[in-house]
Amino acid sequence: MQITIEVPDDIAQRLRQQWEDIPRHVLESLVLADYQARVLTLDQVRRLLGYATRFEVHGFLKEHGVSFYTEQDLQDDLATLDRPGV
């Protein structure tokens, strides 16, 4: 799906001063917001941004101050630690 938005010229000019690639900035902003809202998964973030690996996604999220380590990850790790012989 392709999405088009209309931005007044004066605002677009100001945005171009801040971000060279406005469409990429808009996409990344949408992806970050929806990942934080738990609308998107890590794999969906990877696909939308065109990354080859989840480690690239981790780097992207870290660069933007967004944790990719979830509460479920913590629970899984704690359960692993509680298992005998681990």
N, C-alpha and C. Protein backbone atom coordinates (compact mmCIF):
# COMPACT_ATOMS: atom_id res chain seq x y z
N MET A 1 0.84 -1.17 0.00
CA MET A 1 0.00 0.00 0.00
C MET A 1 0.88 1.24 0.00
N GLN A 2 0.49 2.20 -0.74
CA GLN A 2 1.20 3.47 -0.77
C GLN A 2 0.28 4.51 -0.15
N ILE A 3 0.85 5.37 0.70
CA ILE A 3 0.08 6.41 1.39
C ILE A 3 0.66 7.76 0.98
N THR A 4 -0.21 8.68 0.65
CA THR A 4 0.20 10.03 0.28
C THR A 4 -0.41 11.01 1.25
N ILE A 5 0.40 11.97 1.70
CA ILE A 5 -0.13 13.03 2.57
C ILE A 5 0.21 14.38 1.95
N GLU A 6 -0.65 15.33 2.17
CA GLU A 6 -0.44 16.69 1.67
C GLU A 6 0.14 17.53 2.80
N VAL A 7 1.23 18.22 2.50
CA VAL A 7 1.88 19.10 3.45
C VAL A 7 2.04 20.46 2.80
N PRO A 8 1.58 21.52 3.45
CA PRO A 8 1.76 22.85 2.87
C PRO A 8 3.24 23.13 2.58
N ASP A 9 3.49 23.87 1.50
CA ASP A 9 4.86 24.10 1.05
C ASP A 9 5.75 24.71 2.12
N ASP A 10 5.24 25.66 2.88
CA ASP A 10 6.08 26.30 3.89
C ASP A 10 6.48 25.32 5.00
N ILE A 11 5.58 24.41 5.34
CA ILE A 11 5.89 23.41 6.36
C ILE A 11 6.85 22.37 5.78
N ALA A 12 6.63 21.97 4.54
CA ALA A 12 7.52 21.01 3.89
C ALA A 12 8.94 21.56 3.82
N GLN A 13 9.07 22.84 3.51
CA GLN A 13 10.39 23.46 3.45
C GLN A 13 11.07 23.40 4.82
N ARG A 14 10.34 23.68 5.86
CA ARG A 14 10.90 23.62 7.22
C ARG A 14 11.30 22.18 7.58
N LEU A 15 10.46 21.23 7.21
CA LEU A 15 10.77 19.83 7.49
C LEU A 15 12.01 19.39 6.74
N ARG A 16 12.17 19.85 5.50
CA ARG A 16 13.36 19.49 4.71
C ARG A 16 14.64 20.03 5.34
N GLN A 17 14.53 21.14 6.06
CA GLN A 17 15.70 21.68 6.75
C GLN A 17 16.14 20.75 7.88
N GLN A 18 15.17 20.07 8.47
CA GLN A 18 15.45 19.17 9.59
C GLN A 18 15.79 17.76 9.12
N TRP A 19 15.05 17.26 8.14
CA TRP A 19 15.24 15.89 7.66
C TRP A 19 15.35 15.90 6.15
N GLU A 20 16.44 15.36 5.67
CA GLU A 20 16.67 15.33 4.22
C GLU A 20 15.65 14.44 3.52
N ASP A 21 15.36 13.28 4.12
CA ASP A 21 14.45 12.31 3.52
C ASP A 21 13.15 12.28 4.34
N ILE A 22 12.24 13.17 4.02
CA ILE A 22 11.00 13.29 4.79
C ILE A 22 10.18 12.01 4.76
N PRO A 23 9.99 11.36 3.60
CA PRO A 23 9.22 10.11 3.62
C PRO A 23 9.81 9.05 4.55
N ARG A 24 11.13 8.93 4.59
CA ARG A 24 11.77 7.97 5.49
C ARG A 24 11.54 8.37 6.94
N HIS A 25 11.65 9.66 7.22
CA HIS A 25 11.41 10.14 8.58
C HIS A 25 9.98 9.84 9.03
N VAL A 26 9.03 10.08 8.15
CA VAL A 26 7.63 9.81 8.48
C VAL A 26 7.43 8.31 8.73
N LEU A 27 8.00 7.48 7.87
CA LEU A 27 7.89 6.03 8.04
C LEU A 27 8.51 5.59 9.37
N GLU A 28 9.72 6.06 9.67
CA GLU A 28 10.38 5.68 10.91
C GLU A 28 9.59 6.15 12.12
N SER A 29 9.03 7.36 12.06
CA SER A 29 8.23 7.87 13.18
C SER A 29 6.99 7.01 13.41
N LEU A 30 6.33 6.64 12.32
CA LEU A 30 5.15 5.78 12.41
C LEU A 30 5.52 4.42 13.01
N VAL A 31 6.61 3.84 12.51
CA VAL A 31 7.05 2.53 12.98
C VAL A 31 7.40 2.59 14.46
N LEU A 32 8.15 3.62 14.88
CA LEU A 32 8.51 3.74 16.29
C LEU A 32 7.28 3.86 17.19
N ALA A 33 6.35 4.72 16.80
CA ALA A 33 5.14 4.91 17.59
C ALA A 33 4.33 3.62 17.68
N ASP A 34 4.18 2.94 16.56
CA ASP A 34 3.37 1.72 16.55
C ASP A 34 4.08 0.55 17.23
N TYR A 35 5.41 0.52 17.19
CA TYR A 35 6.13 -0.51 17.94
C TYR A 35 5.96 -0.28 19.44
N GLN A 36 6.09 0.98 19.87
CA GLN A 36 5.94 1.29 21.29
C GLN A 36 4.52 1.02 21.78
N ALA A 37 3.55 1.18 20.90
CA ALA A 37 2.15 0.92 21.25
C ALA A 37 1.80 -0.56 21.12
N ARG A 38 2.80 -1.38 20.77
CA ARG A 38 2.63 -2.83 20.60
C ARG A 38 1.68 -3.18 19.45
N VAL A 39 1.62 -2.28 18.46
CA VAL A 39 0.84 -2.55 17.25
C VAL A 39 1.68 -3.37 16.28
N LEU A 40 2.99 -3.09 16.25
CA LEU A 40 3.91 -3.79 15.35
C LEU A 40 4.87 -4.67 16.15
N THR A 41 5.25 -5.79 15.54
CA THR A 41 6.24 -6.68 16.13
C THR A 41 7.64 -6.29 15.61
N LEU A 42 8.66 -6.86 16.23
CA LEU A 42 10.02 -6.61 15.75
C LEU A 42 10.18 -7.03 14.30
N ASP A 43 9.60 -8.17 13.93
CA ASP A 43 9.72 -8.63 12.56
C ASP A 43 9.00 -7.69 11.60
N GLN A 44 7.86 -7.15 11.99
CA GLN A 44 7.16 -6.21 11.13
C GLN A 44 7.96 -4.91 10.99
N VAL A 45 8.59 -4.47 12.07
CA VAL A 45 9.46 -3.29 12.01
C VAL A 45 10.60 -3.56 11.03
N ARG A 46 11.21 -4.74 11.14
CA ARG A 46 12.30 -5.12 10.24
C ARG A 46 11.87 -5.04 8.78
N ARG A 47 10.72 -5.62 8.48
CA ARG A 47 10.23 -5.64 7.10
C ARG A 47 9.88 -4.25 6.59
N LEU A 48 9.19 -3.47 7.42
CA LEU A 48 8.80 -2.12 6.99
C LEU A 48 10.00 -1.23 6.71
N LEU A 49 11.05 -1.37 7.50
CA LEU A 49 12.22 -0.51 7.34
C LEU A 49 13.27 -1.09 6.40
N GLY A 50 13.02 -2.33 5.93
CA GLY A 50 13.93 -2.94 4.95
C GLY A 50 15.22 -3.46 5.53
N TYR A 51 15.21 -3.80 6.81
CA TYR A 51 16.41 -4.36 7.43
C TYR A 51 16.48 -5.86 7.18
N ALA A 52 17.71 -6.36 7.08
CA ALA A 52 17.91 -7.79 6.81
C ALA A 52 17.86 -8.62 8.09
N THR A 53 18.24 -8.02 9.22
CA THR A 53 18.31 -8.80 10.46
C THR A 53 17.63 -8.07 11.61
N ARG A 54 17.29 -8.86 12.63
CA ARG A 54 16.69 -8.26 13.82
C ARG A 54 17.69 -7.41 14.58
N PHE A 55 18.99 -7.70 14.39
CA PHE A 55 20.02 -6.91 15.07
C PHE A 55 20.05 -5.48 14.53
N GLU A 56 19.75 -5.32 13.25
CA GLU A 56 19.64 -3.97 12.69
C GLU A 56 18.46 -3.24 13.31
N VAL A 57 17.37 -3.97 13.54
CA VAL A 57 16.19 -3.38 14.19
C VAL A 57 16.55 -2.97 15.61
N HIS A 58 17.27 -3.84 16.33
CA HIS A 58 17.69 -3.52 17.69
C HIS A 58 18.51 -2.22 17.69
N GLY A 59 19.42 -2.08 16.73
CA GLY A 59 20.23 -0.86 16.62
C GLY A 59 19.38 0.36 16.36
N PHE A 60 18.41 0.23 15.46
CA PHE A 60 17.50 1.33 15.15
C PHE A 60 16.72 1.75 16.39
N LEU A 61 16.17 0.76 17.11
CA LEU A 61 15.39 1.08 18.30
C LEU A 61 16.27 1.70 19.37
N LYS A 62 17.46 1.17 19.57
CA LYS A 62 18.38 1.71 20.56
C LYS A 62 18.75 3.16 20.22
N GLU A 63 19.00 3.41 18.93
CA GLU A 63 19.34 4.76 18.47
C GLU A 63 18.24 5.76 18.82
N HIS A 64 17.00 5.28 18.87
CA HIS A 64 15.86 6.15 19.15
C HIS A 64 15.37 6.02 20.61
N GLY A 65 16.16 5.35 21.44
CA GLY A 65 15.82 5.26 22.86
C GLY A 65 14.63 4.38 23.17
N VAL A 66 14.38 3.39 22.31
CA VAL A 66 13.23 2.50 22.48
C VAL A 66 13.74 1.11 22.85
N SER A 67 13.25 0.57 23.95
CA SER A 67 13.68 -0.75 24.37
C SER A 67 13.02 -1.83 23.53
N PHE A 68 13.82 -2.83 23.17
CA PHE A 68 13.26 -3.97 22.44
C PHE A 68 13.16 -5.18 23.35
N TYR A 69 13.60 -5.02 24.60
CA TYR A 69 13.53 -6.10 25.58
C TYR A 69 12.19 -5.95 26.30
N THR A 70 11.30 -6.89 26.08
CA THR A 70 9.93 -6.76 26.57
C THR A 70 9.75 -7.39 27.94
N GLU A 71 8.64 -7.12 28.54
CA GLU A 71 8.27 -7.76 29.82
C GLU A 71 8.22 -9.27 29.65
N GLN A 72 7.73 -9.72 28.50
CA GLN A 72 7.68 -11.16 28.24
C GLN A 72 9.09 -11.75 28.15
N ASP A 73 10.02 -11.00 27.54
CA ASP A 73 11.41 -11.45 27.49
C ASP A 73 11.96 -11.64 28.91
N LEU A 74 11.67 -10.70 29.78
CA LEU A 74 12.11 -10.80 31.17
C LEU A 74 11.51 -12.03 31.84
N GLN A 75 10.22 -12.23 31.66
CA GLN A 75 9.57 -13.39 32.28
C GLN A 75 10.17 -14.70 31.76
N ASP A 76 10.44 -14.76 30.47
CA ASP A 76 11.05 -15.96 29.89
C ASP A 76 12.44 -16.19 30.47
N ASP A 77 13.22 -15.12 30.61
CA ASP A 77 14.56 -15.26 31.17
C ASP A 77 14.51 -15.70 32.63
N LEU A 78 13.60 -15.16 33.40
CA LEU A 78 13.46 -15.54 34.80
C LEU A 78 13.04 -16.99 34.91
N ALA A 79 12.14 -17.43 34.04
CA ALA A 79 11.70 -18.83 34.06
C ALA A 79 12.86 -19.77 33.74
N THR A 80 13.71 -19.35 32.83
CA THR A 80 14.89 -20.14 32.48
C THR A 80 15.83 -20.26 33.66
N LEU A 81 16.02 -19.18 34.39
CA LEU A 81 16.91 -19.19 35.55
C LEU A 81 16.36 -20.09 36.66
N ASP A 82 15.05 -20.21 36.75
CA ASP A 82 14.41 -21.02 37.79
C ASP A 82 14.48 -22.50 37.50
N ARG A 83 14.81 -22.88 36.28
CA ARG A 83 14.84 -24.32 35.95
C ARG A 83 16.07 -24.97 36.54
N PRO A 84 15.90 -26.19 37.11
CA PRO A 84 17.05 -26.91 37.67
C PRO A 84 18.05 -27.25 36.56
N GLY A 85 19.32 -27.16 36.90
CA GLY A 85 20.37 -27.55 35.97
C GLY A 85 20.72 -26.48 34.95
N VAL A 86 20.13 -25.30 35.08
CA VAL A 86 20.45 -24.24 34.12
C VAL A 86 21.40 -23.26 34.74
